[in-house]
């Protein structure tokens, strides 16, 4: 006989926020990324506020690029923005046993995928010696849709300086990604002739 699970209930309160600027939506989604299916609304609010709480620091959430982005706003306003994001289907909650955890909605993931691929593109631009850099392993286990978007952005840049990094990346990734990397290298090489 199984025991009834008492799920933690929550109520969304947007504090009458009618809309959020796109920059806030992107910021909240970026802050949610490291805690998808592991954290909830309160933890997300702590990341956005720049909390120095022990759990935030233990999980290295202070390394999130948007950590503390809303530090000057009252906590209740930050929570209301998160609730607005859930109410407007950018984020969703799923229960893991009894706790509600955050997940991306399809719309939210499309925005986060674009944001994160821009971030990765910038990081790749800054690599001076791809042979001695650990970016390859970092990219290998990422969402394939986001990786393909990143490769498309690299190709659209038309910048052949990405070719050494692409060649290094190709050494460690999966077959389908290697094929796409080859295609992008070929496309960027045309600009060298």
N, C-alpha and C. Protein backbone atom coordinates (compact mmCIF):
# COMPACT_ATOMS: atom_id res chain seq x y z
N UNK A 1 0.84 -1.18 0.00
CA UNK A 1 0.00 0.00 0.00
C UNK A 1 0.90 1.25 0.00
N UNK A 2 0.63 2.15 -0.93
CA UNK A 2 1.47 3.36 -1.02
C UNK A 2 0.90 4.49 -0.17
N UNK A 3 1.83 5.29 0.31
CA UNK A 3 1.45 6.46 1.11
C UNK A 3 1.12 7.62 0.20
N UNK A 4 0.15 8.42 0.61
CA UNK A 4 -0.22 9.61 -0.16
C UNK A 4 0.89 10.65 -0.03
N UNK A 5 1.27 11.23 -1.16
CA UNK A 5 2.30 12.26 -1.18
C UNK A 5 1.63 13.62 -1.00
N UNK A 6 2.06 14.35 0.00
CA UNK A 6 1.56 15.71 0.22
C UNK A 6 2.43 16.69 -0.53
N UNK A 7 1.98 17.05 -1.71
CA UNK A 7 2.75 17.98 -2.54
C UNK A 7 2.72 19.38 -1.93
N UNK A 8 3.84 20.05 -2.05
CA UNK A 8 3.93 21.43 -1.59
C UNK A 8 3.13 22.28 -2.56
N UNK A 9 2.14 22.97 -2.05
CA UNK A 9 1.28 23.80 -2.88
C UNK A 9 1.85 25.21 -2.96
N UNK A 10 1.55 25.87 -4.05
CA UNK A 10 1.99 27.26 -4.21
C UNK A 10 0.92 28.01 -4.98
N UNK A 11 0.92 29.31 -4.81
CA UNK A 11 -0.01 30.15 -5.52
C UNK A 11 0.78 31.26 -6.21
N UNK A 12 0.48 31.47 -7.49
CA UNK A 12 1.18 32.50 -8.25
C UNK A 12 0.61 33.87 -7.90
N UNK A 13 1.50 34.83 -7.71
CA UNK A 13 1.08 36.20 -7.42
C UNK A 13 1.95 37.15 -8.23
N UNK A 14 1.38 37.68 -9.30
CA UNK A 14 2.13 38.56 -10.19
C UNK A 14 2.12 40.02 -9.74
N UNK A 15 1.49 40.30 -8.64
CA UNK A 15 1.43 41.68 -8.12
C UNK A 15 0.98 42.67 -9.20
N UNK A 16 0.03 42.24 -10.01
CA UNK A 16 -0.56 43.06 -11.08
C UNK A 16 0.43 43.50 -12.16
N UNK A 17 1.51 42.75 -12.34
CA UNK A 17 2.42 43.04 -13.45
C UNK A 17 1.69 42.69 -14.74
N UNK A 18 1.60 43.65 -15.64
CA UNK A 18 0.87 43.43 -16.90
C UNK A 18 1.77 42.84 -17.98
N UNK A 19 3.04 43.26 -18.01
CA UNK A 19 3.98 42.72 -18.98
C UNK A 19 5.40 42.93 -18.48
N UNK A 20 6.31 42.12 -19.02
CA UNK A 20 7.72 42.25 -18.68
C UNK A 20 8.49 42.63 -19.94
N UNK A 21 9.52 43.47 -19.80
CA UNK A 21 10.37 43.75 -20.96
C UNK A 21 11.07 42.47 -21.39
N UNK A 22 11.35 42.38 -22.69
CA UNK A 22 12.01 41.18 -23.22
C UNK A 22 13.34 40.92 -22.52
N UNK A 23 14.03 41.98 -22.14
CA UNK A 23 15.32 41.81 -21.45
C UNK A 23 15.14 41.11 -20.11
N UNK A 24 14.05 41.41 -19.39
CA UNK A 24 13.77 40.73 -18.11
C UNK A 24 13.42 39.27 -18.35
N UNK A 25 12.66 39.00 -19.41
CA UNK A 25 12.29 37.62 -19.73
C UNK A 25 13.55 36.80 -20.00
N UNK A 26 14.45 37.34 -20.82
CA UNK A 26 15.70 36.63 -21.13
C UNK A 26 16.56 36.44 -19.88
N UNK A 27 16.61 37.45 -19.02
CA UNK A 27 17.40 37.36 -17.79
C UNK A 27 16.86 36.27 -16.87
N UNK A 28 15.57 36.24 -16.70
CA UNK A 28 14.96 35.25 -15.80
C UNK A 28 15.17 33.83 -16.36
N UNK A 29 15.00 33.67 -17.64
CA UNK A 29 15.22 32.35 -18.26
C UNK A 29 16.68 31.93 -18.12
N UNK A 30 17.60 32.87 -18.30
CA UNK A 30 19.03 32.53 -18.17
C UNK A 30 19.36 32.12 -16.74
N UNK A 31 18.76 32.80 -15.77
CA UNK A 31 18.99 32.46 -14.36
C UNK A 31 18.37 31.11 -14.01
N UNK A 32 17.29 30.75 -14.69
CA UNK A 32 16.62 29.48 -14.40
C UNK A 32 17.40 28.28 -14.96
N UNK A 33 18.18 28.50 -16.00
CA UNK A 33 18.84 27.39 -16.69
C UNK A 33 19.59 26.44 -15.76
N UNK A 34 20.45 26.93 -14.84
CA UNK A 34 21.21 25.98 -14.01
C UNK A 34 20.39 25.23 -12.96
N UNK A 35 19.12 25.63 -12.77
CA UNK A 35 18.33 24.95 -11.73
C UNK A 35 17.11 24.23 -12.30
N UNK A 36 17.06 24.06 -13.62
CA UNK A 36 15.93 23.35 -14.22
C UNK A 36 15.85 21.94 -13.64
N UNK A 37 14.69 21.58 -13.16
CA UNK A 37 14.36 20.30 -12.52
C UNK A 37 15.19 20.00 -11.27
N UNK A 38 15.82 21.04 -10.72
CA UNK A 38 16.52 20.86 -9.45
C UNK A 38 16.17 21.94 -8.44
N UNK A 39 15.55 23.02 -8.89
CA UNK A 39 15.21 24.12 -7.99
C UNK A 39 13.88 24.74 -8.36
N UNK A 40 13.38 25.54 -7.43
CA UNK A 40 12.08 26.15 -7.64
C UNK A 40 12.13 27.67 -7.68
N UNK A 41 10.96 28.25 -7.47
CA UNK A 41 10.79 29.69 -7.59
C UNK A 41 11.65 30.47 -6.60
N UNK A 42 11.73 29.99 -5.36
CA UNK A 42 12.51 30.72 -4.35
C UNK A 42 14.00 30.72 -4.67
N UNK A 43 14.52 29.59 -5.12
CA UNK A 43 15.93 29.53 -5.48
C UNK A 43 16.22 30.44 -6.67
N UNK A 44 15.33 30.47 -7.63
CA UNK A 44 15.50 31.36 -8.78
C UNK A 44 15.53 32.82 -8.33
N UNK A 45 14.65 33.18 -7.41
CA UNK A 45 14.63 34.56 -6.89
C UNK A 45 15.96 34.89 -6.20
N UNK A 46 16.53 33.92 -5.50
CA UNK A 46 17.81 34.15 -4.82
C UNK A 46 18.95 34.38 -5.82
N UNK A 47 18.93 33.66 -6.92
CA UNK A 47 19.94 33.87 -7.96
C UNK A 47 19.82 35.29 -8.52
N UNK A 48 18.60 35.67 -8.84
CA UNK A 48 18.36 36.98 -9.44
C UNK A 48 18.68 38.13 -8.48
N UNK A 49 18.48 37.89 -7.20
CA UNK A 49 18.77 38.92 -6.18
C UNK A 49 20.25 38.94 -5.81
N UNK A 50 20.98 37.89 -6.16
CA UNK A 50 22.40 37.84 -5.81
C UNK A 50 22.62 37.41 -4.37
N UNK A 51 21.81 36.49 -3.89
CA UNK A 51 21.90 36.00 -2.52
C UNK A 51 23.25 35.34 -2.25
N UNK A 52 23.76 35.54 -1.05
CA UNK A 52 25.01 34.89 -0.62
C UNK A 52 24.69 33.70 0.29
N UNK A 53 23.46 33.23 0.23
CA UNK A 53 23.03 32.09 1.04
C UNK A 53 23.90 30.87 0.74
N UNK A 54 24.12 30.06 1.76
CA UNK A 54 25.02 28.91 1.66
C UNK A 54 24.67 27.98 0.49
N UNK A 55 23.39 27.66 0.30
CA UNK A 55 22.99 26.74 -0.76
C UNK A 55 23.32 27.32 -2.14
N UNK A 56 23.09 28.61 -2.32
CA UNK A 56 23.39 29.27 -3.60
C UNK A 56 24.88 29.16 -3.92
N UNK A 57 25.70 29.38 -2.91
CA UNK A 57 27.15 29.34 -3.11
C UNK A 57 27.64 27.90 -3.29
N UNK A 58 27.09 26.96 -2.53
CA UNK A 58 27.49 25.55 -2.66
C UNK A 58 27.21 25.01 -4.06
N UNK A 59 26.11 25.46 -4.66
CA UNK A 59 25.73 25.01 -5.99
C UNK A 59 26.39 25.84 -7.10
N UNK A 60 27.27 26.77 -6.70
CA UNK A 60 27.98 27.66 -7.64
C UNK A 60 27.03 28.49 -8.49
N UNK A 61 25.87 28.80 -7.95
CA UNK A 61 24.91 29.59 -8.70
C UNK A 61 25.32 31.05 -8.80
N UNK A 62 26.30 31.43 -7.99
CA UNK A 62 26.85 32.79 -8.09
C UNK A 62 27.70 32.94 -9.35
N UNK A 63 27.96 31.84 -10.06
CA UNK A 63 28.71 31.89 -11.33
C UNK A 63 27.79 32.10 -12.53
N UNK A 64 26.50 32.08 -12.30
CA UNK A 64 25.53 32.31 -13.38
C UNK A 64 25.75 33.72 -13.92
N UNK A 65 25.77 33.88 -15.24
CA UNK A 65 26.06 35.20 -15.82
C UNK A 65 25.08 36.30 -15.42
N UNK A 66 23.88 35.94 -14.98
CA UNK A 66 22.92 36.97 -14.58
C UNK A 66 22.68 36.98 -13.06
N UNK A 67 23.58 36.36 -12.33
CA UNK A 67 23.50 36.35 -10.87
C UNK A 67 23.47 37.80 -10.37
N UNK A 68 22.46 38.12 -9.56
CA UNK A 68 22.36 39.46 -9.00
C UNK A 68 21.80 40.51 -9.95
N UNK A 69 21.25 40.09 -11.09
CA UNK A 69 20.75 41.04 -12.09
C UNK A 69 19.64 41.94 -11.54
N UNK A 70 18.87 41.44 -10.58
CA UNK A 70 17.77 42.22 -10.00
C UNK A 70 18.06 42.59 -8.55
N UNK A 71 19.34 42.75 -8.20
CA UNK A 71 19.70 42.98 -6.80
C UNK A 71 19.08 44.25 -6.23
N UNK A 72 18.79 45.23 -7.07
CA UNK A 72 18.25 46.50 -6.58
C UNK A 72 16.72 46.50 -6.47
N UNK A 73 16.10 45.40 -6.85
CA UNK A 73 14.64 45.32 -6.79
C UNK A 73 14.22 44.58 -5.52
N UNK A 74 13.06 44.94 -4.96
CA UNK A 74 12.58 44.20 -3.79
C UNK A 74 12.33 42.73 -4.13
N UNK A 75 12.57 41.85 -3.17
CA UNK A 75 12.40 40.41 -3.36
C UNK A 75 10.98 40.09 -3.85
N UNK A 76 10.00 40.77 -3.31
CA UNK A 76 8.61 40.50 -3.71
C UNK A 76 8.39 40.81 -5.19
N UNK A 77 9.05 41.84 -5.70
CA UNK A 77 8.94 42.18 -7.13
C UNK A 77 9.59 41.11 -7.98
N UNK A 78 10.75 40.62 -7.54
CA UNK A 78 11.45 39.56 -8.28
C UNK A 78 10.57 38.30 -8.32
N UNK A 79 9.99 37.94 -7.19
CA UNK A 79 9.11 36.77 -7.14
C UNK A 79 7.88 36.95 -8.03
N UNK A 80 7.35 38.17 -8.06
CA UNK A 80 6.19 38.46 -8.91
C UNK A 80 6.56 38.30 -10.39
N UNK A 81 7.77 38.70 -10.76
CA UNK A 81 8.22 38.53 -12.14
C UNK A 81 8.34 37.05 -12.49
N UNK A 82 8.85 36.27 -11.57
CA UNK A 82 8.96 34.82 -11.81
C UNK A 82 7.57 34.21 -11.97
N UNK A 83 6.64 34.61 -11.10
CA UNK A 83 5.27 34.11 -11.20
C UNK A 83 4.63 34.53 -12.53
N UNK A 84 4.93 35.74 -12.99
CA UNK A 84 4.43 36.20 -14.29
C UNK A 84 4.96 35.29 -15.40
N UNK A 85 6.23 34.92 -15.29
CA UNK A 85 6.84 34.03 -16.29
C UNK A 85 6.13 32.68 -16.35
N UNK A 86 5.74 32.18 -15.19
CA UNK A 86 5.02 30.89 -15.14
C UNK A 86 3.61 31.08 -15.70
N UNK A 87 2.96 32.14 -15.26
CA UNK A 87 1.58 32.40 -15.70
C UNK A 87 1.50 32.60 -17.22
N UNK A 88 2.55 33.16 -17.82
CA UNK A 88 2.54 33.43 -19.26
C UNK A 88 3.32 32.38 -20.06
N UNK A 89 3.56 31.24 -19.43
CA UNK A 89 4.07 30.04 -20.10
C UNK A 89 5.47 30.17 -20.69
N UNK A 90 6.34 30.87 -19.98
CA UNK A 90 7.76 30.86 -20.32
C UNK A 90 8.48 29.81 -19.46
N UNK A 91 7.99 29.65 -18.25
CA UNK A 91 8.46 28.62 -17.33
C UNK A 91 7.25 27.81 -16.88
N UNK A 92 7.51 26.58 -16.47
CA UNK A 92 6.46 25.72 -15.93
C UNK A 92 6.99 25.07 -14.66
N UNK A 93 6.11 24.44 -13.92
CA UNK A 93 6.56 23.67 -12.76
C UNK A 93 6.15 22.22 -12.96
N UNK A 94 7.04 21.34 -12.51
CA UNK A 94 6.75 19.91 -12.49
C UNK A 94 7.13 19.40 -11.11
N UNK A 95 6.33 18.49 -10.60
CA UNK A 95 6.61 17.95 -9.28
C UNK A 95 7.61 16.81 -9.36
N UNK A 96 8.58 16.85 -8.48
CA UNK A 96 9.49 15.74 -8.26
C UNK A 96 9.17 15.27 -6.85
N UNK A 97 8.42 14.22 -6.77
CA UNK A 97 7.87 13.71 -5.53
C UNK A 97 6.93 14.75 -4.94
N UNK A 98 7.38 15.57 -4.00
CA UNK A 98 6.45 16.52 -3.41
C UNK A 98 6.79 17.98 -3.68
N UNK A 99 7.94 18.23 -4.32
CA UNK A 99 8.38 19.61 -4.53
C UNK A 99 8.15 20.08 -5.97
N UNK A 100 7.62 21.31 -6.14
CA UNK A 100 7.47 21.85 -7.49
C UNK A 100 8.80 22.43 -7.99
N UNK A 101 9.29 21.91 -9.10
CA UNK A 101 10.56 22.37 -9.66
C UNK A 101 10.31 23.05 -11.00
N UNK A 102 11.19 23.97 -11.35
CA UNK A 102 11.03 24.73 -12.58
C UNK A 102 11.52 23.95 -13.79
N UNK A 103 10.81 24.11 -14.90
CA UNK A 103 11.23 23.60 -16.20
C UNK A 103 10.90 24.67 -17.24
N UNK A 104 11.60 24.62 -18.37
CA UNK A 104 11.30 25.54 -19.46
C UNK A 104 10.04 25.08 -20.18
N UNK A 105 9.21 26.03 -20.57
CA UNK A 105 8.16 25.72 -21.53
C UNK A 105 8.83 25.68 -22.90
N UNK A 106 8.11 25.28 -23.90
CA UNK A 106 8.67 25.26 -25.25
C UNK A 106 9.09 26.68 -25.67
N UNK A 107 8.23 27.66 -25.39
CA UNK A 107 8.53 29.06 -25.72
C UNK A 107 9.74 29.55 -24.94
N UNK A 108 9.79 29.25 -23.66
CA UNK A 108 10.90 29.66 -22.81
C UNK A 108 12.21 29.06 -23.28
N UNK A 109 12.18 27.77 -23.67
CA UNK A 109 13.41 27.13 -24.12
C UNK A 109 13.91 27.74 -25.43
N UNK A 110 13.00 28.10 -26.33
CA UNK A 110 13.42 28.73 -27.59
C UNK A 110 14.18 30.04 -27.31
N UNK A 111 13.71 30.80 -26.35
CA UNK A 111 14.38 32.06 -26.00
C UNK A 111 15.71 31.77 -25.32
N UNK A 112 15.72 30.85 -24.36
CA UNK A 112 16.95 30.52 -23.63
C UNK A 112 18.00 29.91 -24.56
N UNK A 113 17.56 29.09 -25.49
CA UNK A 113 18.47 28.47 -26.45
C UNK A 113 19.20 29.56 -27.25
N UNK A 114 18.48 30.58 -27.66
CA UNK A 114 19.06 31.69 -28.40
C UNK A 114 20.04 32.47 -27.52
N UNK A 115 19.63 32.75 -26.29
CA UNK A 115 20.47 33.50 -25.36
C UNK A 115 21.76 32.74 -25.06
N UNK A 116 21.62 31.46 -24.75
CA UNK A 116 22.78 30.66 -24.36
C UNK A 116 23.73 30.44 -25.54
N UNK A 117 23.16 30.26 -26.74
CA UNK A 117 24.03 30.08 -27.91
C UNK A 117 24.80 31.36 -28.20
N UNK A 118 24.20 32.53 -27.96
CA UNK A 118 24.93 33.80 -28.10
C UNK A 118 26.10 33.87 -27.12
N UNK A 119 25.84 33.41 -25.91
CA UNK A 119 26.87 33.39 -24.86
C UNK A 119 28.03 32.47 -25.26
N UNK A 120 27.69 31.29 -25.77
CA UNK A 120 28.72 30.34 -26.20
C UNK A 120 29.50 30.88 -27.41
N UNK A 121 28.81 31.55 -28.32
CA UNK A 121 29.47 32.15 -29.47
C UNK A 121 30.51 33.17 -29.01
N UNK A 122 30.14 33.99 -28.03
CA UNK A 122 31.07 34.98 -27.51
C UNK A 122 32.28 34.30 -26.86
N UNK A 123 32.03 33.22 -26.11
CA UNK A 123 33.13 32.49 -25.48
C UNK A 123 34.07 31.90 -26.53
N UNK A 124 33.51 31.36 -27.61
CA UNK A 124 34.33 30.79 -28.68
C UNK A 124 35.17 31.88 -29.36
N UNK A 125 34.62 33.08 -29.50
CA UNK A 125 35.37 34.19 -30.11
C UNK A 125 36.61 34.53 -29.29
N UNK A 126 36.53 34.32 -27.99
CA UNK A 126 37.62 34.71 -27.09
C UNK A 126 38.71 33.66 -26.94
N UNK A 127 38.51 32.48 -27.50
CA UNK A 127 39.50 31.40 -27.38
C UNK A 127 40.67 31.69 -28.32
N UNK A 128 41.86 31.74 -27.74
CA UNK A 128 43.05 32.01 -28.57
C UNK A 128 43.81 30.73 -28.91
N UNK A 129 43.73 29.71 -28.04
CA UNK A 129 44.42 28.46 -28.30
C UNK A 129 43.45 27.29 -28.07
N UNK A 130 42.71 26.89 -29.11
CA UNK A 130 41.69 25.85 -28.93
C UNK A 130 42.23 24.50 -28.50
N UNK A 131 43.50 24.21 -28.79
CA UNK A 131 44.07 22.91 -28.40
C UNK A 131 44.21 22.78 -26.89
N UNK A 132 44.39 23.89 -26.20
CA UNK A 132 44.59 23.87 -24.75
C UNK A 132 43.39 24.44 -24.00
N UNK A 133 42.22 24.25 -24.55
CA UNK A 133 41.02 24.81 -23.93
C UNK A 133 39.99 23.70 -23.74
N UNK A 134 39.23 23.74 -22.65
CA UNK A 134 38.27 22.68 -22.35
C UNK A 134 36.87 22.93 -22.91
N UNK A 135 36.71 23.88 -23.82
CA UNK A 135 35.39 24.19 -24.37
C UNK A 135 34.76 22.99 -25.06
N UNK A 136 35.56 22.11 -25.63
CA UNK A 136 35.04 20.98 -26.41
C UNK A 136 34.16 20.08 -25.55
N UNK A 137 34.66 19.73 -24.37
CA UNK A 137 33.90 18.86 -23.48
C UNK A 137 32.65 19.57 -22.96
N UNK A 138 32.75 20.87 -22.79
CA UNK A 138 31.62 21.67 -22.32
C UNK A 138 30.49 21.65 -23.36
N UNK A 139 30.84 21.68 -24.63
CA UNK A 139 29.84 21.71 -25.69
C UNK A 139 29.27 20.33 -26.01
N UNK A 140 30.04 19.29 -25.76
CA UNK A 140 29.66 17.95 -26.17
C UNK A 140 28.33 17.48 -25.58
N UNK A 141 28.03 17.84 -24.38
CA UNK A 141 26.84 17.29 -23.72
C UNK A 141 25.69 18.29 -23.63
N UNK A 142 25.70 19.27 -24.48
CA UNK A 142 24.63 20.27 -24.51
C UNK A 142 23.50 19.81 -25.43
N UNK A 143 22.36 20.46 -25.27
CA UNK A 143 21.19 20.18 -26.10
C UNK A 143 21.55 20.32 -27.58
N UNK A 144 21.21 19.30 -28.36
CA UNK A 144 21.60 19.30 -29.77
C UNK A 144 20.99 20.48 -30.53
N UNK A 145 19.74 20.83 -30.25
CA UNK A 145 19.12 21.96 -30.93
C UNK A 145 19.88 23.25 -30.69
N UNK A 146 20.35 23.44 -29.46
CA UNK A 146 21.12 24.64 -29.14
C UNK A 146 22.47 24.60 -29.85
N UNK A 147 23.09 23.42 -29.91
CA UNK A 147 24.39 23.28 -30.57
C UNK A 147 24.25 23.58 -32.07
N UNK A 148 23.19 23.09 -32.69
CA UNK A 148 22.97 23.37 -34.10
C UNK A 148 22.72 24.85 -34.34
N UNK A 149 22.01 25.50 -33.42
CA UNK A 149 21.80 26.94 -33.50
C UNK A 149 23.14 27.67 -33.39
N UNK A 150 23.99 27.25 -32.46
CA UNK A 150 25.31 27.84 -32.30
C UNK A 150 26.13 27.69 -33.58
N UNK A 151 26.12 26.50 -34.16
CA UNK A 151 26.86 26.28 -35.40
C UNK A 151 26.33 27.16 -36.53
N UNK A 152 25.02 27.34 -36.57
CA UNK A 152 24.42 28.22 -37.57
C UNK A 152 24.89 29.66 -37.37
N UNK A 153 24.98 30.10 -36.12
CA UNK A 153 25.46 31.46 -35.84
C UNK A 153 26.93 31.62 -36.21
N UNK A 154 27.71 30.57 -35.98
CA UNK A 154 29.12 30.61 -36.38
C UNK A 154 29.22 30.75 -37.90
N UNK A 155 28.41 29.96 -38.61
CA UNK A 155 28.42 30.03 -40.07
C UNK A 155 27.97 31.41 -40.55
N UNK A 156 26.91 31.93 -39.95
CA UNK A 156 26.40 33.25 -40.35
C UNK A 156 27.40 34.36 -40.11
N UNK A 157 28.29 34.16 -39.13
CA UNK A 157 29.31 35.18 -38.84
C UNK A 157 30.27 35.34 -40.03
N UNK A 158 30.46 34.24 -40.77
CA UNK A 158 31.39 34.27 -41.89
C UNK A 158 32.85 34.43 -41.46
N UNK A 159 33.10 34.22 -40.17
CA UNK A 159 34.42 34.47 -39.60
C UNK A 159 35.27 33.19 -39.61
N UNK A 160 36.29 33.11 -40.49
CA UNK A 160 37.11 31.89 -40.56
C UNK A 160 38.00 31.67 -39.34
N UNK A 161 38.10 32.65 -38.44
CA UNK A 161 38.92 32.45 -37.24
C UNK A 161 38.31 31.38 -36.31
N UNK A 162 37.06 30.98 -36.55
CA UNK A 162 36.44 29.91 -35.77
C UNK A 162 36.94 28.52 -36.19
N UNK A 163 37.53 28.40 -37.35
CA UNK A 163 37.88 27.09 -37.91
C UNK A 163 38.78 26.27 -36.97
N UNK A 164 39.85 26.82 -36.37
CA UNK A 164 40.66 25.99 -35.46
C UNK A 164 39.85 25.44 -34.27
N UNK A 165 38.96 26.24 -33.72
CA UNK A 165 38.12 25.76 -32.61
C UNK A 165 37.16 24.69 -33.09
N UNK A 166 36.60 24.88 -34.28
CA UNK A 166 35.68 23.88 -34.83
C UNK A 166 36.40 22.55 -35.07
N UNK A 167 37.62 22.62 -35.55
CA UNK A 167 38.39 21.37 -35.79
C UNK A 167 38.67 20.63 -34.48
N UNK A 168 38.98 21.37 -33.44
CA UNK A 168 39.20 20.75 -32.12
C UNK A 168 37.90 20.16 -31.58
N UNK A 169 36.81 20.89 -31.71
CA UNK A 169 35.51 20.45 -31.23
C UNK A 169 35.10 19.17 -31.95
N UNK A 170 35.35 19.11 -33.23
CA UNK A 170 34.97 17.95 -34.04
C UNK A 170 35.61 16.66 -33.52
N UNK A 171 36.77 16.75 -32.91
CA UNK A 171 37.48 15.57 -32.42
C UNK A 171 36.73 14.84 -31.31
N UNK A 172 35.86 15.53 -30.60
CA UNK A 172 35.25 14.92 -29.41
C UNK A 172 33.74 14.74 -29.49
N UNK A 173 33.08 15.31 -30.49
CA UNK A 173 31.62 15.29 -30.47
C UNK A 173 31.05 14.10 -31.22
N UNK A 174 29.72 13.99 -31.17
CA UNK A 174 29.00 12.88 -31.77
C UNK A 174 28.93 13.03 -33.30
N UNK A 175 28.64 11.93 -33.96
CA UNK A 175 28.69 11.86 -35.42
C UNK A 175 27.84 12.94 -36.10
N UNK A 176 26.59 13.11 -35.68
CA UNK A 176 25.72 14.09 -36.32
C UNK A 176 26.25 15.51 -36.16
N UNK A 177 26.81 15.79 -34.99
CA UNK A 177 27.37 17.12 -34.76
C UNK A 177 28.65 17.29 -35.57
N UNK A 178 29.47 16.25 -35.64
CA UNK A 178 30.71 16.32 -36.44
C UNK A 178 30.39 16.64 -37.90
N UNK A 179 29.33 16.02 -38.41
CA UNK A 179 28.92 16.26 -39.79
C UNK A 179 28.56 17.73 -39.98
N UNK A 180 27.84 18.29 -39.05
CA UNK A 180 27.44 19.71 -39.14
C UNK A 180 28.66 20.62 -38.98
N UNK A 181 29.58 20.24 -38.10
CA UNK A 181 30.82 21.01 -37.93
C UNK A 181 31.59 21.04 -39.25
N UNK A 182 31.69 19.88 -39.92
CA UNK A 182 32.37 19.81 -41.23
C UNK A 182 31.73 20.76 -42.23
N UNK A 183 30.40 20.78 -42.22
CA UNK A 183 29.69 21.64 -43.16
C UNK A 183 30.01 23.12 -42.89
N UNK A 184 30.03 23.49 -41.61
CA UNK A 184 30.31 24.89 -41.24
C UNK A 184 31.76 25.24 -41.59
N UNK A 185 32.69 24.32 -41.31
CA UNK A 185 34.11 24.57 -41.67
C UNK A 185 34.22 24.80 -43.17
N UNK A 186 33.56 23.95 -43.95
CA UNK A 186 33.58 24.09 -45.41
C UNK A 186 33.03 25.46 -45.82
N UNK A 187 31.92 25.86 -45.22
CA UNK A 187 31.30 27.15 -45.55
C UNK A 187 32.23 28.31 -45.20
N UNK A 188 32.86 28.25 -44.01
CA UNK A 188 33.76 29.33 -43.59
C UNK A 188 35.05 29.34 -44.43
N UNK A 189 35.46 28.17 -44.90
CA UNK A 189 36.68 28.07 -45.71
C UNK A 189 36.52 28.76 -47.06
N UNK A 190 35.29 28.82 -47.57
CA UNK A 190 35.04 29.48 -48.85
C UNK A 190 35.47 30.94 -48.80
N UNK A 191 35.35 31.54 -47.62
CA UNK A 191 35.74 32.95 -47.47
C UNK A 191 37.24 33.15 -47.50
N UNK A 192 38.00 32.05 -47.38
CA UNK A 192 39.47 32.15 -47.38
C UNK A 192 40.04 32.13 -48.80
N UNK A 193 39.22 31.64 -49.78
CA UNK A 193 39.76 31.53 -51.14
C UNK A 193 39.76 32.85 -51.88
